[in-house]
Amino acid sequence: MKADLWKANILAALEALAGLEKQRWSTEFFPCPTKLLCQLWDDTGLNEFFKRGAVFTPALDAAFMELSELHDKVDLEVSISGLHMDPLWHQAAHLATKIAAMLRDTPVLPNPSFYLE
């Protein structure tokens, strides 16, 4: 996978997590919270990349780790409306927006294929 496509996939997943309004009305866009989290952490490989060490900049990596910690605290078993009343989900959405902005301004590693074996 090319670095620009990898970055675009991460940005798309972050934007989906940040899109609270779309999550409220679109089951196609937001089938379930677990799917959104999987798109970011599993489908892009970020979980594995962070296990290997630094991925982006120290500030961006720290923000991703903060987002991961928030996601770990959210009760994903509640209804969609219950999830949208959860302040942690709102915090995570706000942080996803911030991370997306940071990522847009950050070049990807010269060889992300190292991570995408």
PDB file of N, CA and C in Angstrom:
ATOM      1  N   MET A   1       0.851  -1.177   0.000  1.00  0.00           N
ATOM      2  CA  MET A   1       0.000   0.000   0.000  1.00  0.00           C
ATOM      3  C   MET A   1       0.892   1.233   0.000  1.00  0.00           C
ATOM      4  N   LYS A   2       0.553   2.172  -0.846  1.00  0.00           N
ATOM      5  CA  LYS A   2       1.337   3.405  -0.922  1.00  0.00           C
ATOM      6  C   LYS A   2       1.039   4.298   0.269  1.00  0.00           C
ATOM      7  N   ALA A   3       2.031   5.090   0.634  1.00  0.00           N
ATOM      8  CA  ALA A   3       1.927   5.943   1.817  1.00  0.00           C
ATOM      9  C   ALA A   3       0.746   6.899   1.738  1.00  0.00           C
ATOM     10  N   ASP A   4       0.503   7.486   0.569  1.00  0.00           N
ATOM     11  CA  ASP A   4      -0.603   8.451   0.454  1.00  0.00           C
ATOM     12  C   ASP A   4      -1.957   7.770   0.617  1.00  0.00           C
ATOM     13  N   LEU A   5      -2.105   6.552   0.128  1.00  0.00           N
ATOM     14  CA  LEU A   5      -3.354   5.814   0.291  1.00  0.00           C
ATOM     15  C   LEU A   5      -3.531   5.395   1.757  1.00  0.00           C
ATOM     16  N   TRP A   6      -2.456   4.965   2.383  1.00  0.00           N
ATOM     17  CA  TRP A   6      -2.499   4.591   3.793  1.00  0.00           C
ATOM     18  C   TRP A   6      -2.947   5.777   4.634  1.00  0.00           C
ATOM     19  N   LYS A   7      -2.342   6.934   4.388  1.00  0.00           N
ATOM     20  CA  LYS A   7      -2.712   8.148   5.119  1.00  0.00           C
ATOM     21  C   LYS A   7      -4.167   8.519   4.844  1.00  0.00           C
ATOM     22  N   ALA A   8      -4.610   8.411   3.593  1.00  0.00           N
ATOM     23  CA  ALA A   8      -6.002   8.717   3.240  1.00  0.00           C
ATOM     24  C   ALA A   8      -6.971   7.790   3.969  1.00  0.00           C
ATOM     25  N   ASN A   9      -6.624   6.516   4.107  1.00  0.00           N
ATOM     26  CA  ASN A   9      -7.479   5.560   4.826  1.00  0.00           C
ATOM     27  C   ASN A   9      -7.579   5.922   6.307  1.00  0.00           C
ATOM     28  N   ILE A  10      -6.469   6.336   6.896  1.00  0.00           N
ATOM     29  CA  ILE A  10      -6.479   6.753   8.300  1.00  0.00           C
ATOM     30  C   ILE A  10      -7.340   8.002   8.455  1.00  0.00           C
ATOM     31  N   LEU A  11      -7.163   8.966   7.560  1.00  0.00           N
ATOM     32  CA  LEU A  11      -7.962  10.202   7.622  1.00  0.00           C
ATOM     33  C   LEU A  11      -9.452   9.904   7.469  1.00  0.00           C
ATOM     34  N   ALA A  12      -9.803   9.019   6.562  1.00  0.00           N
ATOM     35  CA  ALA A  12     -11.217   8.667   6.361  1.00  0.00           C
ATOM     36  C   ALA A  12     -11.795   8.037   7.623  1.00  0.00           C
ATOM     37  N   ALA A  13     -11.031   7.171   8.264  1.00  0.00           N
ATOM     38  CA  ALA A  13     -11.502   6.534   9.503  1.00  0.00           C
ATOM     39  C   ALA A  13     -11.653   7.562  10.623  1.00  0.00           C
ATOM     40  N   LEU A  14     -10.708   8.494  10.724  1.00  0.00           N
ATOM     41  CA  LEU A  14     -10.806   9.552  11.735  1.00  0.00           C
ATOM     42  C   LEU A  14     -12.024  10.433  11.488  1.00  0.00           C
ATOM     43  N   GLU A  15     -12.261  10.779  10.226  1.00  0.00           N
ATOM     44  CA  GLU A  15     -13.408  11.625   9.897  1.00  0.00           C
ATOM     45  C   GLU A  15     -14.723  10.910  10.191  1.00  0.00           C
ATOM     46  N   ALA A  16     -14.766   9.607   9.974  1.00  0.00           N
ATOM     47  CA  ALA A  16     -15.971   8.844  10.314  1.00  0.00           C
ATOM     48  C   ALA A  16     -16.201   8.840  11.824  1.00  0.00           C
ATOM     49  N   LEU A  17     -15.125   8.707  12.580  1.00  0.00           N
ATOM     50  CA  LEU A  17     -15.245   8.742  14.044  1.00  0.00           C
ATOM     51  C   LEU A  17     -15.654  10.122  14.535  1.00  0.00           C
ATOM     52  N   ALA A  18     -15.199  11.152  13.854  1.00  0.00           N
ATOM     53  CA  ALA A  18     -15.499  12.529  14.265  1.00  0.00           C
ATOM     54  C   ALA A  18     -16.891  12.977  13.827  1.00  0.00           C
ATOM     55  N   GLY A  19     -17.484  12.297  12.861  1.00  0.00           N
ATOM     56  CA  GLY A  19     -18.742  12.734  12.262  1.00  0.00           C
ATOM     57  C   GLY A  19     -19.975  12.375  13.074  1.00  0.00           C
ATOM     58  N   LEU A  20     -20.134  12.994  14.220  1.00  0.00           N
ATOM     59  CA  LEU A  20     -21.263  12.664  15.103  1.00  0.00           C
ATOM     60  C   LEU A  20     -22.611  12.872  14.426  1.00  0.00           C
ATOM     61  N   GLU A  21     -22.757  13.923  13.663  1.00  0.00           N
ATOM     62  CA  GLU A  21     -24.050  14.200  13.025  1.00  0.00           C
ATOM     63  C   GLU A  21     -24.394  13.106  12.006  1.00  0.00           C
ATOM     64  N   LYS A  22     -23.425  12.711  11.197  1.00  0.00           N
ATOM     65  CA  LYS A  22     -23.668  11.632  10.235  1.00  0.00           C
ATOM     66  C   LYS A  22     -23.960  10.318  10.949  1.00  0.00           C
ATOM     67  N   GLN A  23     -23.303  10.087  12.063  1.00  0.00           N
ATOM     68  CA  GLN A  23     -23.533   8.861  12.828  1.00  0.00           C
ATOM     69  C   GLN A  23     -24.970   8.780  13.313  1.00  0.00           C
ATOM     70  N   ARG A  24     -25.588   9.923  13.582  1.00  0.00           N
ATOM     71  CA  ARG A  24     -26.955   9.935  14.111  1.00  0.00           C
ATOM     72  C   ARG A  24     -27.984   9.487  13.082  1.00  0.00           C
ATOM     73  N   TRP A  25     -27.741   9.800  11.811  1.00  0.00           N
ATOM     74  CA  TRP A  25     -28.798   9.542  10.832  1.00  0.00           C
ATOM     75  C   TRP A  25     -28.460   8.482   9.806  1.00  0.00           C
ATOM     76  N   SER A  26     -27.257   8.001   9.752  1.00  0.00           N
ATOM     77  CA  SER A  26     -26.898   7.087   8.674  1.00  0.00           C
ATOM     78  C   SER A  26     -26.373   5.757   9.206  1.00  0.00           C
ATOM     79  N   THR A  27     -27.201   4.735   9.129  1.00  0.00           N
ATOM     80  CA  THR A  27     -26.716   3.420   9.537  1.00  0.00           C
ATOM     81  C   THR A  27     -25.746   2.855   8.503  1.00  0.00           C
ATOM     82  N   GLU A  28     -25.803   3.340   7.261  1.00  0.00           N
ATOM     83  CA  GLU A  28     -24.827   2.909   6.261  1.00  0.00           C
ATOM     84  C   GLU A  28     -23.464   3.500   6.599  1.00  0.00           C
ATOM     85  N   PHE A  29     -23.447   4.781   6.963  1.00  0.00           N
ATOM     86  CA  PHE A  29     -22.210   5.451   7.335  1.00  0.00           C
ATOM     87  C   PHE A  29     -21.722   4.943   8.682  1.00  0.00           C
ATOM     88  N   PHE A  30     -22.657   4.639   9.557  1.00  0.00           N
ATOM     89  CA  PHE A  30     -22.322   4.266  10.925  1.00  0.00           C
ATOM     90  C   PHE A  30     -23.050   2.982  11.298  1.00  0.00           C
ATOM     91  N   PRO A  31     -22.588   1.839  10.784  1.00  0.00           N
ATOM     92  CA  PRO A  31     -23.282   0.589  11.069  1.00  0.00           C
ATOM     93  C   PRO A  31     -23.216   0.199  12.539  1.00  0.00           C
ATOM     94  N   CYS A  32     -22.080   0.412  13.175  1.00  0.00           N
ATOM     95  CA  CYS A  32     -21.930   0.168  14.602  1.00  0.00           C
ATOM     96  C   CYS A  32     -20.602   0.781  15.046  1.00  0.00           C
ATOM     97  N   PRO A  33     -20.491   1.143  16.307  1.00  0.00           N
ATOM     98  CA  PRO A  33     -19.256   1.790  16.755  1.00  0.00           C
ATOM     99  C   PRO A  33     -18.031   0.893  16.624  1.00  0.00           C
ATOM    100  N   THR A  34     -18.208  -0.384  16.822  1.00  0.00           N
ATOM    101  CA  THR A  34     -17.075  -1.301  16.718  1.00  0.00           C
ATOM    102  C   THR A  34     -16.486  -1.272  15.311  1.00  0.00           C
ATOM    103  N   LYS A  35     -17.352  -1.193  14.309  1.00  0.00           N
ATOM    104  CA  LYS A  35     -16.881  -1.129  12.919  1.00  0.00           C
ATOM    105  C   LYS A  35     -16.032   0.114  12.694  1.00  0.00           C
ATOM    106  N   LEU A  36     -16.472   1.251  13.231  1.00  0.00           N
ATOM    107  CA  LEU A  36     -15.687   2.472  13.072  1.00  0.00           C
ATOM    108  C   LEU A  36     -14.312   2.333  13.726  1.00  0.00           C
ATOM    109  N   LEU A  37     -14.284   1.756  14.903  1.00  0.00           N
ATOM    110  CA  LEU A  37     -13.005   1.576  15.587  1.00  0.00           C
ATOM    111  C   LEU A  37     -12.107   0.609  14.831  1.00  0.00           C
ATOM    112  N   CYS A  38     -12.691  -0.440  14.292  1.00  0.00           N
ATOM    113  CA  CYS A  38     -11.916  -1.402  13.507  1.00  0.00           C
ATOM    114  C   CYS A  38     -11.333  -0.759  12.253  1.00  0.00           C
ATOM    115  N   GLN A  39     -12.097   0.139  11.639  1.00  0.00           N
ATOM    116  CA  GLN A  39     -11.590   0.826  10.449  1.00  0.00           C
ATOM    117  C   GLN A  39     -10.331   1.609  10.768  1.00  0.00           C
ATOM    118  N   LEU A  40     -10.298   2.233  11.933  1.00  0.00           N
ATOM    119  CA  LEU A  40      -9.122   3.017  12.294  1.00  0.00           C
ATOM    120  C   LEU A  40      -7.980   2.144  12.786  1.00  0.00           C
ATOM    121  N   TRP A  41      -8.244   1.303  13.744  1.00  0.00           N
ATOM    122  CA  TRP A  41      -7.154   0.597  14.424  1.00  0.00           C
ATOM    123  C   TRP A  41      -6.723  -0.685  13.722  1.00  0.00           C
ATOM    124  N   ASP A  42      -7.650  -1.423  13.151  1.00  0.00           N
ATOM    125  CA  ASP A  42      -7.306  -2.716  12.563  1.00  0.00           C
ATOM    126  C   ASP A  42      -7.111  -2.639  11.044  1.00  0.00           C
ATOM    127  N   ASP A  43      -8.088  -2.059  10.352  1.00  0.00           N
ATOM    128  CA  ASP A  43      -8.022  -2.040   8.889  1.00  0.00           C
ATOM    129  C   ASP A  43      -6.811  -1.267   8.369  1.00  0.00           C
ATOM    130  N   THR A  44      -6.403  -0.218   9.071  1.00  0.00           N
ATOM    131  CA  THR A  44      -5.226   0.553   8.651  1.00  0.00           C
ATOM    132  C   THR A  44      -3.932  -0.031   9.198  1.00  0.00           C
ATOM    133  N   GLY A  45      -4.048  -0.923  10.153  1.00  0.00           N
ATOM    134  CA  GLY A  45      -2.868  -1.518  10.763  1.00  0.00           C
ATOM    135  C   GLY A  45      -2.264  -0.706  11.894  1.00  0.00           C
ATOM    136  N   LEU A  46      -2.909   0.383  12.294  1.00  0.00           N
ATOM    137  CA  LEU A  46      -2.327   1.245  13.323  1.00  0.00           C
ATOM    138  C   LEU A  46      -2.033   0.504  14.622  1.00  0.00           C
ATOM    139  N   ASN A  47      -2.908  -0.411  15.007  1.00  0.00           N
ATOM    140  CA  ASN A  47      -2.650  -1.183  16.235  1.00  0.00           C
ATOM    141  C   ASN A  47      -1.284  -1.844  16.185  1.00  0.00           C
ATOM    142  N   GLU A  48      -1.020  -2.514  15.097  1.00  0.00           N
ATOM    143  CA  GLU A  48       0.253  -3.228  14.949  1.00  0.00           C
ATOM    144  C   GLU A  48       1.419  -2.262  14.828  1.00  0.00           C
ATOM    145  N   PHE A  49       1.216  -1.155  14.128  1.00  0.00           N
ATOM    146  CA  PHE A  49       2.301  -0.194  13.928  1.00  0.00           C
ATOM    147  C   PHE A  49       2.762   0.378  15.260  1.00  0.00           C
ATOM    148  N   PHE A  50       1.785   0.733  16.108  1.00  0.00           N
ATOM    149  CA  PHE A  50       2.145   1.318  17.387  1.00  0.00           C
ATOM    150  C   PHE A  50       2.806   0.297  18.315  1.00  0.00           C
ATOM    151  N   LYS A  51       2.523  -0.972  18.134  1.00  0.00           N
ATOM    152  CA  LYS A  51       3.211  -2.006  18.917  1.00  0.00           C
ATOM    153  C   LYS A  51       4.702  -2.042  18.583  1.00  0.00           C
ATOM    154  N   ARG A  52       5.031  -1.640  17.355  1.00  0.00           N
ATOM    155  CA  ARG A  52       6.426  -1.662  16.905  1.00  0.00           C
ATOM    156  C   ARG A  52       7.189  -0.401  17.290  1.00  0.00           C
ATOM    157  N   GLY A  53       6.485   0.625  17.721  1.00  0.00           N
ATOM    158  CA  GLY A  53       7.180   1.857  18.118  1.00  0.00           C
ATOM    159  C   GLY A  53       6.541   3.083  17.518  1.00  0.00           C
ATOM    160  N   ALA A  54       7.340   4.134  17.390  1.00  0.00           N
ATOM    161  CA  ALA A  54       6.863   5.415  16.866  1.00  0.00           C
ATOM    162  C   ALA A  54       6.389   5.252  15.425  1.00  0.00           C
ATOM    163  N   VAL A  55       5.306   5.942  15.111  1.00  0.00           N
ATOM    164  CA  VAL A  55       4.749   5.870  13.761  1.00  0.00           C
ATOM    165  C   VAL A  55       4.828   7.233  13.072  1.00  0.00           C
ATOM    166  N   PHE A  56       4.413   8.276  13.751  1.00  0.00           N
ATOM    167  CA  PHE A  56       4.410   9.613  13.160  1.00  0.00           C
ATOM    168  C   PHE A  56       5.361  10.503  13.966  1.00  0.00           C
ATOM    169  N   THR A  57       4.849  11.618  14.447  1.00  0.00           N
ATOM    170  CA  THR A  57       5.628  12.498  15.320  1.00  0.00           C
ATOM    171  C   THR A  57       5.282  12.152  16.765  1.00  0.00           C
ATOM    172  N   PRO A  58       6.108  12.540  17.711  1.00  0.00           N
ATOM    173  CA  PRO A  58       5.766  12.261  19.112  1.00  0.00           C
ATOM    174  C   PRO A  58       4.399  12.829  19.513  1.00  0.00           C
ATOM    175  N   ALA A  59       4.089  14.049  19.088  1.00  0.00           N
ATOM    176  CA  ALA A  59       2.801  14.661  19.450  1.00  0.00           C
ATOM    177  C   ALA A  59       1.636  13.909  18.821  1.00  0.00           C
ATOM    178  N   LEU A  60       1.772  13.522  17.578  1.00  0.00           N
ATOM    179  CA  LEU A  60       0.698  12.800  16.891  1.00  0.00           C
ATOM    180  C   LEU A  60       0.543  11.398  17.461  1.00  0.00           C
ATOM    181  N   ASP A  61       1.642  10.739  17.724  1.00  0.00           N
ATOM    182  CA  ASP A  61       1.566   9.409  18.341  1.00  0.00           C
ATOM    183  C   ASP A  61       0.882   9.477  19.703  1.00  0.00           C
ATOM    184  N   ALA A  62       1.213  10.505  20.490  1.00  0.00           N
ATOM    185  CA  ALA A  62       0.590  10.665  21.811  1.00  0.00           C
ATOM    186  C   ALA A  62      -0.910  10.904  21.672  1.00  0.00           C
ATOM    187  N   ALA A  63      -1.310  11.676  20.679  1.00  0.00           N
ATOM    188  CA  ALA A  63      -2.738  11.934  20.460  1.00  0.00           C
ATOM    189  C   ALA A  63      -3.457  10.643  20.071  1.00  0.00           C
ATOM    190  N   PHE A  64      -2.849   9.834  19.224  1.00  0.00           N
ATOM    191  CA  PHE A  64      -3.449   8.546  18.862  1.00  0.00           C
ATOM    192  C   PHE A  64      -3.579   7.647  20.090  1.00  0.00           C
ATOM    193  N   MET A  65      -2.575   7.654  20.951  1.00  0.00           N
ATOM    194  CA  MET A  65      -2.635   6.830  22.163  1.00  0.00           C
ATOM    195  C   MET A  65      -3.745   7.322  23.093  1.00  0.00           C
ATOM    196  N   GLU A  66      -3.923   8.634  23.180  1.00  0.00           N
ATOM    197  CA  GLU A  66      -5.013   9.192  23.984  1.00  0.00           C
ATOM    198  C   GLU A  66      -6.363   8.759  23.415  1.00  0.00           C
ATOM    199  N   LEU A  67      -6.478   8.773  22.084  1.00  0.00           N
ATOM    200  CA  LEU A  67      -7.716   8.336  21.437  1.00  0.00           C
ATOM    201  C   LEU A  67      -7.972   6.860  21.719  1.00  0.00           C
ATOM    202  N   SER A  68      -6.947   6.059  21.658  1.00  0.00           N
ATOM    203  CA  SER A  68      -7.083   4.631  21.944  1.00  0.00           C
ATOM    204  C   SER A  68      -7.570   4.409  23.379  1.00  0.00           C
ATOM    205  N   GLU A  69      -7.018   5.165  24.303  1.00  0.00           N
ATOM    206  CA  GLU A  69      -7.436   5.044  25.700  1.00  0.00           C
ATOM    207  C   GLU A  69      -8.894   5.449  25.887  1.00  0.00           C
ATOM    208  N   LEU A  70      -9.327   6.487  25.187  1.00  0.00           N
ATOM    209  CA  LEU A  70     -10.746   6.887  25.249  1.00  0.00           C
ATOM    210  C   LEU A  70     -11.632   5.776  24.703  1.00  0.00           C
ATOM    211  N   HIS A  71     -11.229   5.217  23.573  1.00  0.00           N
ATOM    212  CA  HIS A  71     -12.026   4.146  22.966  1.00  0.00           C
ATOM    213  C   HIS A  71     -12.132   2.950  23.892  1.00  0.00           C
ATOM    214  N   ASP A  72     -11.079   2.674  24.628  1.00  0.00           N
ATOM    215  CA  ASP A  72     -11.114   1.551  25.574  1.00  0.00           C
ATOM    216  C   ASP A  72     -12.124   1.780  26.698  1.00  0.00           C
ATOM    217  N   LYS A  73     -12.402   3.027  27.018  1.00  0.00           N
ATOM    218  CA  LYS A  73     -13.310   3.364  28.117  1.00  0.00           C
ATOM    219  C   LYS A  73     -14.777   3.443  27.692  1.00  0.00           C
ATOM    220  N   VAL A  74     -15.036   3.589  26.400  1.00  0.00           N
ATOM    221  CA  VAL A  74     -16.403   3.745  25.899  1.00  0.00           C
ATOM    222  C   VAL A  74     -17.122   2.401  25.939  1.00  0.00           C
ATOM    223  N   ASP A  75     -18.365   2.418  26.407  1.00  0.00           N
ATOM    224  CA  ASP A  75     -19.202   1.214  26.415  1.00  0.00           C
ATOM    225  C   ASP A  75     -19.813   1.055  25.025  1.00  0.00           C
ATOM    226  N   LEU A  76     -19.290   0.137  24.261  1.00  0.00           N
ATOM    227  CA  LEU A  76     -19.743  -0.065  22.882  1.00  0.00           C
ATOM    228  C   LEU A  76     -20.987  -0.937  22.793  1.00  0.00           C
ATOM    229  N   GLU A  77     -21.466  -1.426  23.916  1.00  0.00           N
ATOM    230  CA  GLU A  77     -22.639  -2.289  23.929  1.00  0.00           C
ATOM    231  C   GLU A  77     -23.947  -1.510  24.052  1.00  0.00           C
ATOM    232  N   VAL A  78     -23.868  -0.209  24.256  1.00  0.00           N
ATOM    233  CA  VAL A  78     -25.085   0.592  24.387  1.00  0.00           C
ATOM    234  C   VAL A  78     -25.674   0.869  23.005  1.00  0.00           C
ATOM    235  N   SER A  79     -26.895   1.367  22.977  1.00  0.00           N
ATOM    236  CA  SER A  79     -27.527   1.733  21.707  1.00  0.00           C
ATOM    237  C   SER A  79     -26.805   2.927  21.100  1.00  0.00           C
ATOM    238  N   ILE A  80     -27.087   3.173  19.840  1.00  0.00           N
ATOM    239  CA  ILE A  80     -26.479   4.320  19.158  1.00  0.00           C
ATOM    240  C   ILE A  80     -26.838   5.606  19.889  1.00  0.00           C
ATOM    241  N   SER A  81     -28.100   5.759  20.268  1.00  0.00           N
ATOM    242  CA  SER A  81     -28.490   6.979  20.974  1.00  0.00           C
ATOM    243  C   SER A  81     -27.790   7.066  22.328  1.00  0.00           C
ATOM    244  N   GLY A  82     -27.616   5.945  22.995  1.00  0.00           N
ATOM    245  CA  GLY A  82     -26.895   5.932  24.259  1.00  0.00           C
ATOM    246  C   GLY A  82     -25.434   6.310  24.073  1.00  0.00           C
ATOM    247  N   LEU A  83     -24.854   5.815  23.009  1.00  0.00           N
ATOM    248  CA  LEU A  83     -23.465   6.135  22.708  1.00  0.00           C
ATOM    249  C   LEU A  83     -23.299   7.633  22.473  1.00  0.00           C
ATOM    250  N   HIS A  84     -24.255   8.214  21.762  1.00  0.00           N
ATOM    251  CA  HIS A  84     -24.157   9.641  21.455  1.00  0.00           C
ATOM    252  C   HIS A  84     -24.432  10.533  22.661  1.00  0.00           C
ATOM    253  N   MET A  85     -24.905   9.954  23.743  1.00  0.00           N
ATOM    254  CA  MET A  85     -25.057  10.716  24.985  1.00  0.00           C
ATOM    255  C   MET A  85     -23.835  10.557  25.883  1.00  0.00           C
ATOM    256  N   ASP A  86     -22.925   9.682  25.505  1.00  0.00           N
ATOM    257  CA  ASP A  86     -21.728   9.403  26.299  1.00  0.00           C
ATOM    258  C   ASP A  86     -20.686  10.507  26.076  1.00  0.00           C
ATOM    259  N   PRO A  87     -20.323  11.227  27.137  1.00  0.00           N
ATOM    260  CA  PRO A  87     -19.327  12.293  26.979  1.00  0.00           C
ATOM    261  C   PRO A  87     -17.969  11.773  26.478  1.00  0.00           C
ATOM    262  N   LEU A  88     -17.645  10.522  26.773  1.00  0.00           N
ATOM    263  CA  LEU A  88     -16.386   9.955  26.285  1.00  0.00           C
ATOM    264  C   LEU A  88     -16.389   9.813  24.766  1.00  0.00           C
ATOM    265  N   TRP A  89     -17.554   9.438  24.213  1.00  0.00           N
ATOM    266  CA  TRP A  89     -17.656   9.323  22.754  1.00  0.00           C
ATOM    267  C   TRP A  89     -17.501  10.701  22.118  1.00  0.00           C
ATOM    268  N   HIS A  90     -18.071  11.719  22.733  1.00  0.00           N
ATOM    269  CA  HIS A  90     -17.929  13.085  22.224  1.00  0.00           C
ATOM    270  C   HIS A  90     -16.481  13.552  22.327  1.00  0.00           C
ATOM    271  N   GLN A  91     -15.827  13.217  23.431  1.00  0.00           N
ATOM    272  CA  GLN A  91     -14.411  13.543  23.588  1.00  0.00           C
ATOM    273  C   GLN A  91     -13.584  12.871  22.502  1.00  0.00           C
ATOM    274  N   ALA A  92     -13.881  11.607  22.245  1.00  0.00           N
ATOM    275  CA  ALA A  92     -13.153  10.860  21.217  1.00  0.00           C
ATOM    276  C   ALA A  92     -13.393  11.475  19.838  1.00  0.00           C
ATOM    277  N   ALA A  93     -14.625  11.891  19.558  1.00  0.00           N
ATOM    278  CA  ALA A  93     -14.930  12.517  18.268  1.00  0.00           C
ATOM    279  C   ALA A  93     -14.163  13.827  18.108  1.00  0.00           C
ATOM    280  N   HIS A  94     -14.124  14.607  19.167  1.00  0.00           N
ATOM    281  CA  HIS A  94     -13.381  15.874  19.125  1.00  0.00           C
ATOM    282  C   HIS A  94     -11.888  15.608  18.908  1.00  0.00           C
ATOM    283  N   LEU A  95     -11.353  14.624  19.618  1.00  0.00           N
ATOM    284  CA  LEU A  95      -9.948  14.292  19.473  1.00  0.00           C
ATOM    285  C   LEU A  95      -9.652  13.744  18.078  1.00  0.00           C
ATOM    286  N   ALA A  96     -10.559  12.968  17.516  1.00  0.00           N
ATOM    287  CA  ALA A  96     -10.371  12.452  16.151  1.00  0.00           C
ATOM    288  C   ALA A  96     -10.272  13.603  15.156  1.00  0.00           C
ATOM    289  N   THR A  97     -11.068  14.654  15.356  1.00  0.00           N
ATOM    290  CA  THR A  97     -10.999  15.837  14.493  1.00  0.00           C
ATOM    291  C   THR A  97      -9.629  16.497  14.612  1.00  0.00           C
ATOM    292  N   LYS A  98      -9.158  16.631  15.843  1.00  0.00           N
ATOM    293  CA  LYS A  98      -7.851  17.245  16.099  1.00  0.00           C
ATOM    294  C   LYS A  98      -6.729  16.416  15.472  1.00  0.00           C
ATOM    295  N   ILE A  99      -6.801  15.106  15.638  1.00  0.00           N
ATOM    296  CA  ILE A  99      -5.770  14.226  15.083  1.00  0.00           C
ATOM    297  C   ILE A  99      -5.768  14.294  13.562  1.00  0.00           C
ATOM    298  N   ALA A 100      -6.954  14.322  12.958  1.00  0.00           N
ATOM    299  CA  ALA A 100      -7.028  14.412  11.492  1.00  0.00           C
ATOM    300  C   ALA A 100      -6.332  15.679  10.997  1.00  0.00           C
ATOM    301  N   ALA A 101      -6.552  16.788  11.683  1.00  0.00           N
ATOM    302  CA  ALA A 101      -5.897  18.042  11.292  1.00  0.00           C
ATOM    303  C   ALA A 101      -4.379  17.931  11.441  1.00  0.00           C
ATOM    304  N   MET A 102      -3.948  17.314  12.535  1.00  0.00           N
ATOM    305  CA  MET A 102      -2.508  17.127  12.748  1.00  0.00           C
ATOM    306  C   MET A 102      -1.914  16.218  11.673  1.00  0.00           C
ATOM    307  N   LEU A 103      -2.637  15.153  11.340  1.00  0.00           N
ATOM    308  CA  LEU A 103      -2.129  14.189  10.361  1.00  0.00           C
ATOM    309  C   LEU A 103      -2.032  14.803   8.970  1.00  0.00           C
ATOM    310  N   ARG A 104      -2.998  15.655   8.615  1.00  0.00           N
ATOM    311  CA  ARG A 104      -2.940  16.306   7.302  1.00  0.00           C
ATOM    312  C   ARG A 104      -1.651  17.109   7.136  1.00  0.00           C
ATOM    313  N   ASP A 105      -1.149  17.656   8.242  1.00  0.00           N
ATOM    314  CA  ASP A 105       0.062  18.474   8.205  1.00  0.00           C
ATOM    315  C   ASP A 105       1.341  17.687   8.463  1.00  0.00           C
ATOM    316  N   THR A 106       1.226  16.379   8.578  1.00  0.00           N
ATOM    317  CA  THR A 106       2.378  15.538   8.904  1.00  0.00           C
ATOM    318  C   THR A 106       2.687  14.606   7.738  1.00  0.00           C
ATOM    319  N   PRO A 107       3.920  14.649   7.256  1.00  0.00           N
ATOM    320  CA  PRO A 107       4.270  13.688   6.202  1.00  0.00           C
ATOM    321  C   PRO A 107       4.308  12.273   6.791  1.00  0.00           C
ATOM    322  N   VAL A 108       3.920  11.312   5.987  1.00  0.00           N
ATOM    323  CA  VAL A 108       4.000   9.924   6.444  1.00  0.00           C
ATOM    324  C   VAL A 108       5.453   9.491   6.405  1.00  0.00           C
ATOM    325  N   LEU A 109       5.740   8.435   7.114  1.00  0.00           N
ATOM    326  CA  LEU A 109       7.101   7.921   7.116  1.00  0.00           C
ATOM    327  C   LEU A 109       7.545   7.630   5.687  1.00  0.00           C
ATOM    328  N   PRO A 110       8.828   7.766   5.408  1.00  0.00           N
ATOM    329  CA  PRO A 110       9.317   7.542   4.049  1.00  0.00           C
ATOM    330  C   PRO A 110       8.985   6.161   3.506  1.00  0.00           C
ATOM    331  N   ASN A 111       8.905   5.170   4.378  1.00  0.00           N
ATOM    332  CA  ASN A 111       8.636   3.819   3.912  1.00  0.00           C
ATOM    333  C   ASN A 111       7.614   3.124   4.788  1.00  0.00           C
ATOM    334  N   PRO A 112       6.330   3.486   4.641  1.00  0.00           N
ATOM    335  CA  PRO A 112       5.342   2.824   5.475  1.00  0.00           C
ATOM    336  C   PRO A 112       5.174   1.349   5.154  1.00  0.00           C
ATOM    337  N   SER A 113       5.747   0.895   4.035  1.00  0.00           N
ATOM    338  CA  SER A 113       5.648  -0.538   3.724  1.00  0.00           C
ATOM    339  C   SER A 113       6.366  -1.345   4.802  1.00  0.00           C
ATOM    340  N   PHE A 114       7.290  -0.717   5.524  1.00  0.00           N
ATOM    341  CA  PHE A 114       7.915  -1.371   6.664  1.00  0.00           C
ATOM    342  C   PHE A 114       6.847  -1.857   7.631  1.00  0.00           C
ATOM    343  N   TYR A 115       5.797  -1.052   7.762  1.00  0.00           N
ATOM    344  CA  TYR A 115       4.721  -1.385   8.671  1.00  0.00           C
ATOM    345  C   TYR A 115       3.632  -2.232   8.028  1.00  0.00           C
ATOM    346  N   LEU A 116       3.614  -2.234   6.712  1.00  0.00           N
ATOM    347  CA  LEU A 116       2.517  -2.885   5.999  1.00  0.00           C
ATOM    348  C   LEU A 116       2.954  -4.192   5.364  1.00  0.00           C
ATOM    349  N   GLU A 117       3.834  -4.891   6.014  1.00  0.00           N
ATOM    350  CA  GLU A 117       4.331  -6.168   5.483  1.00  0.00           C
ATOM    351  C   GLU A 117       3.217  -7.154   5.317  1.00  0.00           C
TER     352      GLU A 117
END
